[in-house]
């Protein structure tokens, strides 16, 4: 399971502030099989933003701490 910088788990459909850009979590790549299928080399989260399009970010990337959960449908 992947977690935001504040410790809450990342879930599909989460509305986030992606370093100043509103976005939605559209893909979570966690397992080795998922990484191989998508060509990613680490656990990664896909975000869809209006201005930047689809962006992929790994929790180990610089800037992960700038992604903040804004709203979750089950909260």
PDB file of N, CA and C in Angstrom:
ATOM      1  N   UNK A   1       0.847  -1.170   0.000  1.00  0.00           N
ATOM      2  CA  UNK A   1       0.000   0.000   0.000  1.00  0.00           C
ATOM      3  C   UNK A   1       0.904   1.249   0.000  1.00  0.00           C
ATOM      4  N   UNK A   2       0.492   2.239  -0.777  1.00  0.00           N
ATOM      5  CA  UNK A   2       1.232   3.500  -0.844  1.00  0.00           C
ATOM      6  C   UNK A   2       0.548   4.543   0.033  1.00  0.00           C
ATOM      7  N   UNK A   3       1.344   5.452   0.582  1.00  0.00           N
ATOM      8  CA  UNK A   3       0.841   6.439   1.521  1.00  0.00           C
ATOM      9  C   UNK A   3       1.277   7.842   1.131  1.00  0.00           C
ATOM     10  N   UNK A   4       0.386   8.799   1.410  1.00  0.00           N
ATOM     11  CA  UNK A   4       0.762  10.201   1.264  1.00  0.00           C
ATOM     12  C   UNK A   4       1.774  10.551   2.350  1.00  0.00           C
ATOM     13  N   UNK A   5       2.395  11.701   2.222  1.00  0.00           N
ATOM     14  CA  UNK A   5       3.396  12.158   3.162  1.00  0.00           C
ATOM     15  C   UNK A   5       2.834  12.230   4.587  1.00  0.00           C
ATOM     16  N   UNK A   6       1.518  12.501   4.715  1.00  0.00           N
ATOM     17  CA  UNK A   6       0.910  12.611   6.052  1.00  0.00           C
ATOM     18  C   UNK A   6       0.529  11.258   6.644  1.00  0.00           C
ATOM     19  N   UNK A   7       0.785  10.156   5.904  1.00  0.00           N
ATOM     20  CA  UNK A   7       0.543   8.820   6.419  1.00  0.00           C
ATOM     21  C   UNK A   7      -0.764   8.184   6.005  1.00  0.00           C
ATOM     22  N   UNK A   8      -1.658   8.926   5.363  1.00  0.00           N
ATOM     23  CA  UNK A   8      -2.915   8.341   4.899  1.00  0.00           C
ATOM     24  C   UNK A   8      -2.667   7.535   3.620  1.00  0.00           C
ATOM     25  N   UNK A   9      -3.376   6.414   3.445  1.00  0.00           N
ATOM     26  CA  UNK A   9      -3.164   5.588   2.253  1.00  0.00           C
ATOM     27  C   UNK A   9      -3.692   6.264   0.990  1.00  0.00           C
ATOM     28  N   UNK A  10      -3.018   6.020  -0.120  1.00  0.00           N
ATOM     29  CA  UNK A  10      -3.449   6.511  -1.440  1.00  0.00           C
ATOM     30  C   UNK A  10      -4.540   5.586  -1.941  1.00  0.00           C
ATOM     31  N   UNK A  11      -5.650   6.166  -2.449  1.00  0.00           N
ATOM     32  CA  UNK A  11      -6.743   5.375  -2.995  1.00  0.00           C
ATOM     33  C   UNK A  11      -7.173   5.951  -4.336  1.00  0.00           C
ATOM     34  N   UNK A  12      -7.649   5.056  -5.226  1.00  0.00           N
ATOM     35  CA  UNK A  12      -8.184   5.506  -6.510  1.00  0.00           C
ATOM     36  C   UNK A  12      -9.316   6.501  -6.272  1.00  0.00           C
ATOM     37  N   UNK A  13      -9.344   7.552  -7.068  1.00  0.00           N
ATOM     38  CA  UNK A  13     -10.396   8.550  -6.974  1.00  0.00           C
ATOM     39  C   UNK A  13     -10.115   9.672  -5.992  1.00  0.00           C
ATOM     40  N   UNK A  14      -9.032   9.575  -5.231  1.00  0.00           N
ATOM     41  CA  UNK A  14      -8.687  10.651  -4.298  1.00  0.00           C
ATOM     42  C   UNK A  14      -8.497  11.954  -5.055  1.00  0.00           C
ATOM     43  N   UNK A  15      -9.056  13.018  -4.520  1.00  0.00           N
ATOM     44  CA  UNK A  15      -8.820  14.354  -5.057  1.00  0.00           C
ATOM     45  C   UNK A  15      -7.635  14.932  -4.299  1.00  0.00           C
ATOM     46  N   UNK A  16      -6.648  15.411  -5.042  1.00  0.00           N
ATOM     47  CA  UNK A  16      -5.418  15.882  -4.426  1.00  0.00           C
ATOM     48  C   UNK A  16      -5.025  17.272  -4.928  1.00  0.00           C
ATOM     49  N   UNK A  17      -4.163  17.886  -4.166  1.00  0.00           N
ATOM     50  CA  UNK A  17      -3.447  19.077  -4.610  1.00  0.00           C
ATOM     51  C   UNK A  17      -2.086  18.558  -5.028  1.00  0.00           C
ATOM     52  N   UNK A  18      -1.830  18.568  -6.329  1.00  0.00           N
ATOM     53  CA  UNK A  18      -0.580  18.060  -6.884  1.00  0.00           C
ATOM     54  C   UNK A  18       0.356  19.257  -7.060  1.00  0.00           C
ATOM     55  N   UNK A  19       0.967  19.657  -5.961  1.00  0.00           N
ATOM     56  CA  UNK A  19       1.897  20.787  -5.959  1.00  0.00           C
ATOM     57  C   UNK A  19       1.277  22.029  -6.602  1.00  0.00           C
ATOM     58  N   UNK A  20       0.056  22.346  -6.160  1.00  0.00           N
ATOM     59  CA  UNK A  20      -0.628  23.537  -6.656  1.00  0.00           C
ATOM     60  C   UNK A  20      -1.627  23.278  -7.769  1.00  0.00           C
ATOM     61  N   UNK A  21      -1.654  22.077  -8.309  1.00  0.00           N
ATOM     62  CA  UNK A  21      -2.581  21.707  -9.375  1.00  0.00           C
ATOM     63  C   UNK A  21      -3.604  20.717  -8.829  1.00  0.00           C
ATOM     64  N   UNK A  22      -4.903  20.950  -9.059  1.00  0.00           N
ATOM     65  CA  UNK A  22      -5.883  19.949  -8.641  1.00  0.00           C
ATOM     66  C   UNK A  22      -5.740  18.698  -9.501  1.00  0.00           C
ATOM     67  N   UNK A  23      -5.882  17.545  -8.852  1.00  0.00           N
ATOM     68  CA  UNK A  23      -5.762  16.288  -9.582  1.00  0.00           C
ATOM     69  C   UNK A  23      -6.560  15.189  -8.928  1.00  0.00           C
ATOM     70  N   UNK A  24      -6.658  14.070  -9.630  1.00  0.00           N
ATOM     71  CA  UNK A  24      -7.361  12.886  -9.156  1.00  0.00           C
ATOM     72  C   UNK A  24      -6.452  11.674  -9.359  1.00  0.00           C
ATOM     73  N   UNK A  25      -6.408  10.789  -8.371  1.00  0.00           N
ATOM     74  CA  UNK A  25      -5.643   9.547  -8.495  1.00  0.00           C
ATOM     75  C   UNK A  25      -6.376   8.622  -9.459  1.00  0.00           C
ATOM     76  N   UNK A  26      -5.714   8.254 -10.560  1.00  0.00           N
ATOM     77  CA  UNK A  26      -6.327   7.394 -11.572  1.00  0.00           C
ATOM     78  C   UNK A  26      -5.666   6.030 -11.692  1.00  0.00           C
ATOM     79  N   UNK A  27      -4.493   5.878 -11.080  1.00  0.00           N
ATOM     80  CA  UNK A  27      -3.794   4.591 -11.178  1.00  0.00           C
ATOM     81  C   UNK A  27      -2.833   4.461 -10.001  1.00  0.00           C
ATOM     82  N   UNK A  28      -2.777   3.252  -9.457  1.00  0.00           N
ATOM     83  CA  UNK A  28      -1.827   2.945  -8.396  1.00  0.00           C
ATOM     84  C   UNK A  28      -1.059   1.708  -8.831  1.00  0.00           C
ATOM     85  N   UNK A  29       0.233   1.841  -8.972  1.00  0.00           N
ATOM     86  CA  UNK A  29       1.096   0.749  -9.440  1.00  0.00           C
ATOM     87  C   UNK A  29       1.943   0.316  -8.252  1.00  0.00           C
ATOM     88  N   UNK A  30       1.623  -0.867  -7.700  1.00  0.00           N
ATOM     89  CA  UNK A  30       2.299  -1.303  -6.480  1.00  0.00           C
ATOM     90  C   UNK A  30       3.139  -2.565  -6.665  1.00  0.00           C
ATOM     91  N   UNK A  31       2.575  -3.561  -7.327  1.00  0.00           N
ATOM     92  CA  UNK A  31       3.242  -4.861  -7.378  1.00  0.00           C
ATOM     93  C   UNK A  31       4.309  -4.897  -8.481  1.00  0.00           C
ATOM     94  N   UNK A  32       5.181  -5.862  -8.372  1.00  0.00           N
ATOM     95  CA  UNK A  32       6.214  -6.060  -9.387  1.00  0.00           C
ATOM     96  C   UNK A  32       5.584  -6.335 -10.747  1.00  0.00           C
ATOM     97  N   UNK A  33       4.522  -7.140 -10.771  1.00  0.00           N
ATOM     98  CA  UNK A  33       3.838  -7.436 -12.036  1.00  0.00           C
ATOM     99  C   UNK A  33       3.262  -6.163 -12.653  1.00  0.00           C
ATOM    100  N   UNK A  34       2.627  -5.315 -11.838  1.00  0.00           N
ATOM    101  CA  UNK A  34       2.086  -4.059 -12.344  1.00  0.00           C
ATOM    102  C   UNK A  34       3.209  -3.159 -12.872  1.00  0.00           C
ATOM    103  N   UNK A  35       4.332  -3.148 -12.178  1.00  0.00           N
ATOM    104  CA  UNK A  35       5.466  -2.333 -12.621  1.00  0.00           C
ATOM    105  C   UNK A  35       5.979  -2.828 -13.967  1.00  0.00           C
ATOM    106  N   UNK A  36       6.090  -4.129 -14.138  1.00  0.00           N
ATOM    107  CA  UNK A  36       6.559  -4.692 -15.404  1.00  0.00           C
ATOM    108  C   UNK A  36       5.565  -4.411 -16.516  1.00  0.00           C
ATOM    109  N   UNK A  37       4.272  -4.550 -16.231  1.00  0.00           N
ATOM    110  CA  UNK A  37       3.231  -4.326 -17.242  1.00  0.00           C
ATOM    111  C   UNK A  37       3.212  -2.881 -17.733  1.00  0.00           C
ATOM    112  N   UNK A  38       3.540  -1.938 -16.854  1.00  0.00           N
ATOM    113  CA  UNK A  38       3.459  -0.518 -17.201  1.00  0.00           C
ATOM    114  C   UNK A  38       4.819   0.092 -17.545  1.00  0.00           C
ATOM    115  N   UNK A  39       5.886  -0.677 -17.350  1.00  0.00           N
ATOM    116  CA  UNK A  39       7.218  -0.163 -17.647  1.00  0.00           C
ATOM    117  C   UNK A  39       7.767   0.764 -16.573  1.00  0.00           C
ATOM    118  N   UNK A  40       7.148   0.782 -15.409  1.00  0.00           N
ATOM    119  CA  UNK A  40       7.631   1.604 -14.306  1.00  0.00           C
ATOM    120  C   UNK A  40       8.692   0.827 -13.541  1.00  0.00           C
ATOM    121  N   UNK A  41       9.628   1.535 -12.938  1.00  0.00           N
ATOM    122  CA  UNK A  41      10.693   0.843 -12.211  1.00  0.00           C
ATOM    123  C   UNK A  41      10.532   0.920 -10.697  1.00  0.00           C
ATOM    124  N   UNK A  42       9.422   1.483 -10.228  1.00  0.00           N
ATOM    125  CA  UNK A  42       9.149   1.537  -8.796  1.00  0.00           C
ATOM    126  C   UNK A  42       7.646   1.709  -8.583  1.00  0.00           C
ATOM    127  N   UNK A  43       7.231   1.636  -7.330  1.00  0.00           N
ATOM    128  CA  UNK A  43       5.829   1.887  -7.022  1.00  0.00           C
ATOM    129  C   UNK A  43       5.506   3.320  -7.413  1.00  0.00           C
ATOM    130  N   UNK A  44       4.370   3.504  -8.062  1.00  0.00           N
ATOM    131  CA  UNK A  44       4.049   4.794  -8.677  1.00  0.00           C
ATOM    132  C   UNK A  44       2.549   5.065  -8.587  1.00  0.00           C
ATOM    133  N   UNK A  45       2.202   6.350  -8.524  1.00  0.00           N
ATOM    134  CA  UNK A  45       0.800   6.761  -8.543  1.00  0.00           C
ATOM    135  C   UNK A  45       0.575   7.636  -9.765  1.00  0.00           C
ATOM    136  N   UNK A  46      -0.502   7.363 -10.509  1.00  0.00           N
ATOM    137  CA  UNK A  46      -0.880   8.168 -11.657  1.00  0.00           C
ATOM    138  C   UNK A  46      -1.945   9.172 -11.254  1.00  0.00           C
ATOM    139  N   UNK A  47      -1.717  10.433 -11.599  1.00  0.00           N
ATOM    140  CA  UNK A  47      -2.656  11.507 -11.309  1.00  0.00           C
ATOM    141  C   UNK A  47      -3.110  12.124 -12.617  1.00  0.00           C
ATOM    142  N   UNK A  48      -4.377  12.496 -12.698  1.00  0.00           N
ATOM    143  CA  UNK A  48      -4.871  13.234 -13.856  1.00  0.00           C
ATOM    144  C   UNK A  48      -5.124  14.668 -13.399  1.00  0.00           C
ATOM    145  N   UNK A  49      -4.498  15.612 -14.117  1.00  0.00           N
ATOM    146  CA  UNK A  49      -4.667  17.033 -13.815  1.00  0.00           C
ATOM    147  C   UNK A  49      -5.128  17.742 -15.076  1.00  0.00           C
ATOM    148  N   UNK A  50      -5.818  18.847 -14.909  1.00  0.00           N
ATOM    149  CA  UNK A  50      -6.301  19.599 -16.071  1.00  0.00           C
ATOM    150  C   UNK A  50      -5.148  20.204 -16.864  1.00  0.00           C
ATOM    151  N   UNK A  51      -4.245  20.863 -16.185  1.00  0.00           N
ATOM    152  CA  UNK A  51      -3.193  21.602 -16.884  1.00  0.00           C
ATOM    153  C   UNK A  51      -2.006  20.725 -17.286  1.00  0.00           C
ATOM    154  N   UNK A  52      -1.647  19.763 -16.439  1.00  0.00           N
ATOM    155  CA  UNK A  52      -0.465  18.941 -16.711  1.00  0.00           C
ATOM    156  C   UNK A  52      -0.790  17.627 -17.415  1.00  0.00           C
ATOM    157  N   UNK A  53      -2.073  17.280 -17.489  1.00  0.00           N
ATOM    158  CA  UNK A  53      -2.452  15.998 -18.071  1.00  0.00           C
ATOM    159  C   UNK A  53      -2.234  14.882 -17.066  1.00  0.00           C
ATOM    160  N   UNK A  54      -1.832  13.721 -17.549  1.00  0.00           N
ATOM    161  CA  UNK A  54      -1.584  12.583 -16.665  1.00  0.00           C
ATOM    162  C   UNK A  54      -0.130  12.619 -16.216  1.00  0.00           C
ATOM    163  N   UNK A  55       0.058  12.556 -14.916  1.00  0.00           N
ATOM    164  CA  UNK A  55       1.388  12.662 -14.316  1.00  0.00           C
ATOM    165  C   UNK A  55       1.601  11.463 -13.407  1.00  0.00           C
ATOM    166  N   UNK A  56       2.801  10.899 -13.445  1.00  0.00           N
ATOM    167  CA  UNK A  56       3.132   9.761 -12.591  1.00  0.00           C
ATOM    168  C   UNK A  56       4.201  10.184 -11.601  1.00  0.00           C
ATOM    169  N   UNK A  57       3.997   9.796 -10.346  1.00  0.00           N
ATOM    170  CA  UNK A  57       4.911  10.196  -9.287  1.00  0.00           C
ATOM    171  C   UNK A  57       5.106   9.017  -8.344  1.00  0.00           C
ATOM    172  N   UNK A  58       6.335   8.804  -7.942  1.00  0.00           N
ATOM    173  CA  UNK A  58       6.656   7.755  -6.990  1.00  0.00           C
ATOM    174  C   UNK A  58       6.848   8.381  -5.609  1.00  0.00           C
ATOM    175  N   UNK A  59       6.453   7.671  -4.554  1.00  0.00           N
ATOM    176  CA  UNK A  59       6.677   8.205  -3.211  1.00  0.00           C
ATOM    177  C   UNK A  59       8.147   8.475  -2.911  1.00  0.00           C
ATOM    178  N   UNK A  60       9.046   7.859  -3.663  1.00  0.00           N
ATOM    179  CA  UNK A  60      10.475   8.116  -3.443  1.00  0.00           C
ATOM    180  C   UNK A  60      10.973   9.330  -4.229  1.00  0.00           C
ATOM    181  N   UNK A  61      10.143   9.904  -5.098  1.00  0.00           N
ATOM    182  CA  UNK A  61      10.538  11.070  -5.892  1.00  0.00           C
ATOM    183  C   UNK A  61      10.534  12.333  -5.045  1.00  0.00           C
ATOM    184  N   UNK A  62      11.447  13.231  -5.397  1.00  0.00           N
ATOM    185  CA  UNK A  62      11.422  14.542  -4.764  1.00  0.00           C
ATOM    186  C   UNK A  62      10.089  15.199  -5.136  1.00  0.00           C
ATOM    187  N   UNK A  63       9.469  15.847  -4.201  1.00  0.00           N
ATOM    188  CA  UNK A  63       8.195  16.487  -4.465  1.00  0.00           C
ATOM    189  C   UNK A  63       6.995  15.700  -3.990  1.00  0.00           C
ATOM    190  N   UNK A  64       7.196  14.429  -3.576  1.00  0.00           N
ATOM    191  CA  UNK A  64       6.060  13.644  -3.084  1.00  0.00           C
ATOM    192  C   UNK A  64       5.380  14.352  -1.912  1.00  0.00           C
ATOM    193  N   UNK A  65       6.168  15.052  -1.108  1.00  0.00           N
ATOM    194  CA  UNK A  65       5.598  15.745   0.053  1.00  0.00           C
ATOM    195  C   UNK A  65       4.703  16.912  -0.355  1.00  0.00           C
ATOM    196  N   UNK A  66       4.739  17.313  -1.631  1.00  0.00           N
ATOM    197  CA  UNK A  66       3.889  18.379  -2.132  1.00  0.00           C
ATOM    198  C   UNK A  66       2.530  17.906  -2.619  1.00  0.00           C
ATOM    199  N   UNK A  67       2.272  16.590  -2.532  1.00  0.00           N
ATOM    200  CA  UNK A  67       0.985  16.037  -2.949  1.00  0.00           C
ATOM    201  C   UNK A  67       0.137  15.846  -1.695  1.00  0.00           C
ATOM    202  N   UNK A  68      -0.999  16.539  -1.659  1.00  0.00           N
ATOM    203  CA  UNK A  68      -1.830  16.551  -0.461  1.00  0.00           C
ATOM    204  C   UNK A  68      -3.237  16.063  -0.791  1.00  0.00           C
ATOM    205  N   UNK A  69      -3.728  15.122   0.015  1.00  0.00           N
ATOM    206  CA  UNK A  69      -5.097  14.637  -0.135  1.00  0.00           C
ATOM    207  C   UNK A  69      -6.055  15.748   0.252  1.00  0.00           C
ATOM    208  N   UNK A  70      -6.985  16.086  -0.651  1.00  0.00           N
ATOM    209  CA  UNK A  70      -7.973  17.126  -0.412  1.00  0.00           C
ATOM    210  C   UNK A  70      -9.327  16.524  -0.060  1.00  0.00           C
ATOM    211  N   UNK A  71      -9.726  15.478  -0.800  1.00  0.00           N
ATOM    212  CA  UNK A  71     -11.051  14.896  -0.593  1.00  0.00           C
ATOM    213  C   UNK A  71     -11.032  13.429  -1.000  1.00  0.00           C
ATOM    214  N   UNK A  72     -11.771  12.655  -0.247  1.00  0.00           N
ATOM    215  CA  UNK A  72     -11.909  11.226  -0.541  1.00  0.00           C
ATOM    216  C   UNK A  72     -13.387  10.908  -0.448  1.00  0.00           C
ATOM    217  N   UNK A  73     -13.930  10.178  -1.394  1.00  0.00           N
ATOM    218  CA  UNK A  73     -15.367   9.935  -1.458  1.00  0.00           C
ATOM    219  C   UNK A  73     -15.908   9.168  -0.251  1.00  0.00           C
ATOM    220  N   UNK A  74     -15.077   8.382   0.425  1.00  0.00           N
ATOM    221  CA  UNK A  74     -15.588   7.593   1.556  1.00  0.00           C
ATOM    222  C   UNK A  74     -15.380   8.277   2.908  1.00  0.00           C
ATOM    223  N   UNK A  75     -14.965   9.538   2.909  1.00  0.00           N
ATOM    224  CA  UNK A  75     -14.767  10.257   4.173  1.00  0.00           C
ATOM    225  C   UNK A  75     -15.890  11.217   4.437  1.00  0.00           C
TER     226      UNK A  75
END
